[in-house]
Amino acid sequence: MTDPIVNEVRKHRDEHARQFNYDLDQIFADLMRKQENSGRKLRRRKPSTTIESTSSARIG
């Protein structure tokens, strides 16, 4: 089963990535530039609660 909306999003994402030769650093920098230039006020979320260490769990 294919979803036309998912396909459209993937198409645009691929077109954007292709502009930067699929270089993740360049893609990220471009997205950050667009975000800064959008004029929108951005709210940063606090990181989610981390899972406690399982070092006390014993294996075997």
PDB file of N, CA and C in Angstrom:
ATOM      1  N   MET A   1       0.838  -1.177   0.000  1.00  0.00           N
ATOM      2  CA  MET A   1       0.000   0.000   0.000  1.00  0.00           C
ATOM      3  C   MET A   1       0.891   1.251   0.000  1.00  0.00           C
ATOM      4  N   THR A   2       0.589   2.195  -0.812  1.00  0.00           N
ATOM      5  CA  THR A   2       1.352   3.441  -0.854  1.00  0.00           C
ATOM      6  C   THR A   2       0.460   4.594  -0.427  1.00  0.00           C
ATOM      7  N   ASP A   3       1.056   5.541   0.231  1.00  0.00           N
ATOM      8  CA  ASP A   3       0.343   6.715   0.715  1.00  0.00           C
ATOM      9  C   ASP A   3       0.808   7.909  -0.117  1.00  0.00           C
ATOM     10  N   PRO A   4      -0.078   8.565  -0.840  1.00  0.00           N
ATOM     11  CA  PRO A   4       0.334   9.672  -1.711  1.00  0.00           C
ATOM     12  C   PRO A   4       0.935  10.845  -0.937  1.00  0.00           C
ATOM     13  N   ILE A   5       0.496  11.058   0.288  1.00  0.00           N
ATOM     14  CA  ILE A   5       1.053  12.167   1.075  1.00  0.00           C
ATOM     15  C   ILE A   5       2.485  11.844   1.476  1.00  0.00           C
ATOM     16  N   VAL A   6       2.724  10.623   1.933  1.00  0.00           N
ATOM     17  CA  VAL A   6       4.079  10.199   2.301  1.00  0.00           C
ATOM     18  C   VAL A   6       4.985  10.267   1.079  1.00  0.00           C
ATOM     19  N   ASN A   7       4.500   9.820  -0.055  1.00  0.00           N
ATOM     20  CA  ASN A   7       5.288   9.877  -1.290  1.00  0.00           C
ATOM     21  C   ASN A   7       5.650  11.309  -1.658  1.00  0.00           C
ATOM     22  N   GLU A   8       4.712  12.229  -1.485  1.00  0.00           N
ATOM     23  CA  GLU A   8       4.963  13.638  -1.799  1.00  0.00           C
ATOM     24  C   GLU A   8       6.028  14.220  -0.863  1.00  0.00           C
ATOM     25  N   VAL A   9       5.932  13.911   0.418  1.00  0.00           N
ATOM     26  CA  VAL A   9       6.922  14.393   1.390  1.00  0.00           C
ATOM     27  C   VAL A   9       8.305  13.843   1.038  1.00  0.00           C
ATOM     28  N   ARG A  10       8.361  12.560   0.733  1.00  0.00           N
ATOM     29  CA  ARG A  10       9.650  11.948   0.375  1.00  0.00           C
ATOM     30  C   ARG A  10      10.232  12.562  -0.888  1.00  0.00           C
ATOM     31  N   LYS A  11       9.375  12.887  -1.846  1.00  0.00           N
ATOM     32  CA  LYS A  11       9.833  13.510  -3.095  1.00  0.00           C
ATOM     33  C   LYS A  11      10.481  14.863  -2.807  1.00  0.00           C
ATOM     34  N   HIS A  12       9.812  15.681  -1.998  1.00  0.00           N
ATOM     35  CA  HIS A  12      10.354  17.006  -1.680  1.00  0.00           C
ATOM     36  C   HIS A  12      11.612  16.911  -0.835  1.00  0.00           C
ATOM     37  N   ARG A  13      11.642  15.962   0.092  1.00  0.00           N
ATOM     38  CA  ARG A  13      12.832  15.766   0.917  1.00  0.00           C
ATOM     39  C   ARG A  13      14.018  15.359   0.047  1.00  0.00           C
ATOM     40  N   ASP A  14      13.782  14.482  -0.909  1.00  0.00           N
ATOM     41  CA  ASP A  14      14.857  14.049  -1.797  1.00  0.00           C
ATOM     42  C   ASP A  14      15.339  15.195  -2.682  1.00  0.00           C
ATOM     43  N   GLU A  15      14.405  16.002  -3.184  1.00  0.00           N
ATOM     44  CA  GLU A  15      14.799  17.148  -4.011  1.00  0.00           C
ATOM     45  C   GLU A  15      15.663  18.121  -3.222  1.00  0.00           C
ATOM     46  N   HIS A  16      15.293  18.348  -1.964  1.00  0.00           N
ATOM     47  CA  HIS A  16      16.070  19.251  -1.118  1.00  0.00           C
ATOM     48  C   HIS A  16      17.459  18.672  -0.861  1.00  0.00           C
ATOM     49  N   ALA A  17      17.529  17.396  -0.523  1.00  0.00           N
ATOM     50  CA  ALA A  17      18.808  16.746  -0.233  1.00  0.00           C
ATOM     51  C   ALA A  17      19.709  16.728  -1.457  1.00  0.00           C
ATOM     52  N   ARG A  18      19.123  16.523  -2.622  1.00  0.00           N
ATOM     53  CA  ARG A  18      19.899  16.462  -3.864  1.00  0.00           C
ATOM     54  C   ARG A  18      20.613  17.791  -4.127  1.00  0.00           C
ATOM     55  N   GLN A  19      20.000  18.918  -3.727  1.00  0.00           N
ATOM     56  CA  GLN A  19      20.615  20.233  -3.921  1.00  0.00           C
ATOM     57  C   GLN A  19      21.964  20.330  -3.205  1.00  0.00           C
ATOM     58  N   PHE A  20      22.129  19.534  -2.150  1.00  0.00           N
ATOM     59  CA  PHE A  20      23.345  19.578  -1.342  1.00  0.00           C
ATOM     60  C   PHE A  20      24.145  18.293  -1.477  1.00  0.00           C
ATOM     61  N   ASN A  21      23.894  17.578  -2.561  1.00  0.00           N
ATOM     62  CA  ASN A  21      24.606  16.334  -2.838  1.00  0.00           C
ATOM     63  C   ASN A  21      24.507  15.358  -1.655  1.00  0.00           C
ATOM     64  N   TYR A  22      23.363  15.400  -0.995  1.00  0.00           N
ATOM     65  CA  TYR A  22      23.047  14.505   0.135  1.00  0.00           C
ATOM     66  C   TYR A  22      24.026  14.657   1.308  1.00  0.00           C
ATOM     67  N   ASP A  23      24.678  15.810   1.413  1.00  0.00           N
ATOM     68  CA  ASP A  23      25.602  16.094   2.510  1.00  0.00           C
ATOM     69  C   ASP A  23      24.783  16.561   3.712  1.00  0.00           C
ATOM     70  N   LEU A  24      24.747  15.751   4.771  1.00  0.00           N
ATOM     71  CA  LEU A  24      23.900  16.046   5.923  1.00  0.00           C
ATOM     72  C   LEU A  24      24.269  17.351   6.616  1.00  0.00           C
ATOM     73  N   ASP A  25      25.546  17.682   6.666  1.00  0.00           N
ATOM     74  CA  ASP A  25      25.952  18.942   7.295  1.00  0.00           C
ATOM     75  C   ASP A  25      25.388  20.129   6.532  1.00  0.00           C
ATOM     76  N   GLN A  26      25.442  20.077   5.207  1.00  0.00           N
ATOM     77  CA  GLN A  26      24.914  21.168   4.394  1.00  0.00           C
ATOM     78  C   GLN A  26      23.388  21.231   4.461  1.00  0.00           C
ATOM     79  N   ILE A  27      22.745  20.080   4.470  1.00  0.00           N
ATOM     80  CA  ILE A  27      21.284  20.038   4.577  1.00  0.00           C
ATOM     81  C   ILE A  27      20.857  20.663   5.902  1.00  0.00           C
ATOM     82  N   PHE A  28      21.522  20.244   6.990  1.00  0.00           N
ATOM     83  CA  PHE A  28      21.201  20.780   8.307  1.00  0.00           C
ATOM     84  C   PHE A  28      21.405  22.285   8.357  1.00  0.00           C
ATOM     85  N   ALA A  29      22.532  22.755   7.820  1.00  0.00           N
ATOM     86  CA  ALA A  29      22.825  24.196   7.821  1.00  0.00           C
ATOM     87  C   ALA A  29      21.746  24.958   7.055  1.00  0.00           C
ATOM     88  N   ASP A  30      21.296  24.421   5.939  1.00  0.00           N
ATOM     89  CA  ASP A  30      20.255  25.078   5.158  1.00  0.00           C
ATOM     90  C   ASP A  30      18.943  25.133   5.936  1.00  0.00           C
ATOM     91  N   LEU A  31      18.587  24.043   6.585  1.00  0.00           N
ATOM     92  CA  LEU A  31      17.348  24.024   7.365  1.00  0.00           C
ATOM     93  C   LEU A  31      17.413  25.006   8.528  1.00  0.00           C
ATOM     94  N   MET A  32      18.570  25.108   9.170  1.00  0.00           N
ATOM     95  CA  MET A  32      18.729  26.061  10.266  1.00  0.00           C
ATOM     96  C   MET A  32      18.626  27.496   9.757  1.00  0.00           C
ATOM     97  N   ARG A  33      19.218  27.769   8.592  1.00  0.00           N
ATOM     98  CA  ARG A  33      19.119  29.101   7.978  1.00  0.00           C
ATOM     99  C   ARG A  33      17.662  29.442   7.690  1.00  0.00           C
ATOM    100  N   LYS A  34      16.940  28.496   7.120  1.00  0.00           N
ATOM    101  CA  LYS A  34      15.527  28.732   6.808  1.00  0.00           C
ATOM    102  C   LYS A  34      14.727  28.985   8.083  1.00  0.00           C
ATOM    103  N   GLN A  35      15.042  28.244   9.123  1.00  0.00           N
ATOM    104  CA  GLN A  35      14.343  28.417  10.393  1.00  0.00           C
ATOM    105  C   GLN A  35      14.600  29.809  10.960  1.00  0.00           C
ATOM    106  N   GLU A  36      15.866  30.239  10.954  1.00  0.00           N
ATOM    107  CA  GLU A  36      16.221  31.553  11.487  1.00  0.00           C
ATOM    108  C   GLU A  36      15.591  32.681  10.682  1.00  0.00           C
ATOM    109  N   ASN A  37      15.494  32.505   9.371  1.00  0.00           N
ATOM    110  CA  ASN A  37      14.952  33.542   8.500  1.00  0.00           C
ATOM    111  C   ASN A  37      13.434  33.513   8.390  1.00  0.00           C
ATOM    112  N   SER A  38      12.791  32.568   9.044  1.00  0.00           N
ATOM    113  CA  SER A  38      11.340  32.429   8.908  1.00  0.00           C
ATOM    114  C   SER A  38      10.583  33.542   9.618  1.00  0.00           C
ATOM    115  N   GLY A  39      11.225  34.166  10.610  1.00  0.00           N
ATOM    116  CA  GLY A  39      10.548  35.216  11.357  1.00  0.00           C
ATOM    117  C   GLY A  39       9.605  34.670  12.419  1.00  0.00           C
ATOM    118  N   ARG A  40       9.541  33.376  12.542  1.00  0.00           N
ATOM    119  CA  ARG A  40       8.668  32.766  13.545  1.00  0.00           C
ATOM    120  C   ARG A  40       9.401  32.654  14.869  1.00  0.00           C
ATOM    121  N   LYS A  41       8.657  32.825  15.940  1.00  0.00           N
ATOM    122  CA  LYS A  41       9.236  32.645  17.262  1.00  0.00           C
ATOM    123  C   LYS A  41       9.260  31.152  17.558  1.00  0.00           C
ATOM    124  N   LEU A  42      10.427  30.658  17.896  1.00  0.00           N
ATOM    125  CA  LEU A  42      10.588  29.232  18.138  1.00  0.00           C
ATOM    126  C   LEU A  42      10.660  28.953  19.626  1.00  0.00           C
ATOM    127  N   ARG A  43       9.987  27.891  20.029  1.00  0.00           N
ATOM    128  CA  ARG A  43      10.057  27.446  21.416  1.00  0.00           C
ATOM    129  C   ARG A  43      10.849  26.163  21.453  1.00  0.00           C
ATOM    130  N   ARG A  44      11.810  26.114  22.318  1.00  0.00           N
ATOM    131  CA  ARG A  44      12.623  24.911  22.475  1.00  0.00           C
ATOM    132  C   ARG A  44      12.000  24.054  23.573  1.00  0.00           C
ATOM    133  N   ARG A  45      11.871  22.779  23.297  1.00  0.00           N
ATOM    134  CA  ARG A  45      11.360  21.863  24.305  1.00  0.00           C
ATOM    135  C   ARG A  45      12.510  21.358  25.150  1.00  0.00           C
ATOM    136  N   LYS A  46      12.203  21.082  26.410  1.00  0.00           N
ATOM    137  CA  LYS A  46      13.197  20.473  27.272  1.00  0.00           C
ATOM    138  C   LYS A  46      13.395  19.038  26.815  1.00  0.00           C
ATOM    139  N   PRO A  47      14.603  18.517  26.961  1.00  0.00           N
ATOM    140  CA  PRO A  47      14.826  17.111  26.583  1.00  0.00           C
ATOM    141  C   PRO A  47      13.909  16.204  27.398  1.00  0.00           C
ATOM    142  N   SER A  48      13.486  15.124  26.798  1.00  0.00           N
ATOM    143  CA  SER A  48      12.632  14.186  27.511  1.00  0.00           C
ATOM    144  C   SER A  48      13.429  13.507  28.618  1.00  0.00           C
ATOM    145  N   THR A  49      12.719  12.985  29.572  1.00  0.00           N
ATOM    146  CA  THR A  49      13.363  12.299  30.686  1.00  0.00           C
ATOM    147  C   THR A  49      14.159  11.114  30.174  1.00  0.00           C
ATOM    148  N   THR A  50      15.368  10.975  30.658  1.00  0.00           N
ATOM    149  CA  THR A  50      16.212   9.869  30.206  1.00  0.00           C
ATOM    150  C   THR A  50      15.863   8.606  30.973  1.00  0.00           C
ATOM    151  N   ILE A  51      16.087   7.499  30.353  1.00  0.00           N
ATOM    152  CA  ILE A  51      15.864   6.211  30.986  1.00  0.00           C
ATOM    153  C   ILE A  51      17.002   5.959  31.959  1.00  0.00           C
ATOM    154  N   GLU A  52      16.659   5.503  33.146  1.00  0.00           N
ATOM    155  CA  GLU A  52      17.691   5.244  34.143  1.00  0.00           C
ATOM    156  C   GLU A  52      18.631   4.147  33.659  1.00  0.00           C
ATOM    157  N   SER A  53      19.838   4.213  34.116  1.00  0.00           N
ATOM    158  CA  SER A  53      20.846   3.232  33.739  1.00  0.00           C
ATOM    159  C   SER A  53      20.414   1.835  34.147  1.00  0.00           C
ATOM    160  N   THR A  54      20.671   0.888  33.274  1.00  0.00           N
ATOM    161  CA  THR A  54      20.344  -0.501  33.575  1.00  0.00           C
ATOM    162  C   THR A  54      21.581  -1.265  34.026  1.00  0.00           C
ATOM    163  N   SER A  55      22.597  -0.511  34.480  1.00  0.00           N
ATOM    164  CA  SER A  55      23.838  -1.167  34.874  1.00  0.00           C
ATOM    165  C   SER A  55      23.660  -2.109  36.065  1.00  0.00           C
ATOM    166  N   SER A  56      22.601  -1.891  36.842  1.00  0.00           N
ATOM    167  CA  SER A  56      22.369  -2.760  37.990  1.00  0.00           C
ATOM    168  C   SER A  56      21.725  -4.087  37.590  1.00  0.00           C
ATOM    169  N   ALA A  57      21.203  -4.137  36.369  1.00  0.00           N
ATOM    170  CA  ALA A  57      20.584  -5.380  35.893  1.00  0.00           C
ATOM    171  C   ALA A  57      21.690  -6.399  35.633  1.00  0.00           C
ATOM    172  N   ARG A  58      21.430  -7.620  36.031  1.00  0.00           N
ATOM    173  CA  ARG A  58      22.422  -8.671  35.839  1.00  0.00           C
ATOM    174  C   ARG A  58      21.985  -9.591  34.702  1.00  0.00           C
ATOM    175  N   ILE A  59      22.928  -9.902  33.855  1.00  0.00           N
ATOM    176  CA  ILE A  59      22.648 -10.794  32.713  1.00  0.00           C
ATOM    177  C   ILE A  59      23.290 -12.133  33.015  1.00  0.00           C
ATOM    178  N   GLY A  60      22.468 -13.214  32.858  1.00  0.00           N
ATOM    179  CA  GLY A  60      22.993 -14.569  33.010  1.00  0.00           C
ATOM    180  C   GLY A  60      23.142 -14.900  34.398  1.00  0.00           C
TER     181      GLY A  60
END
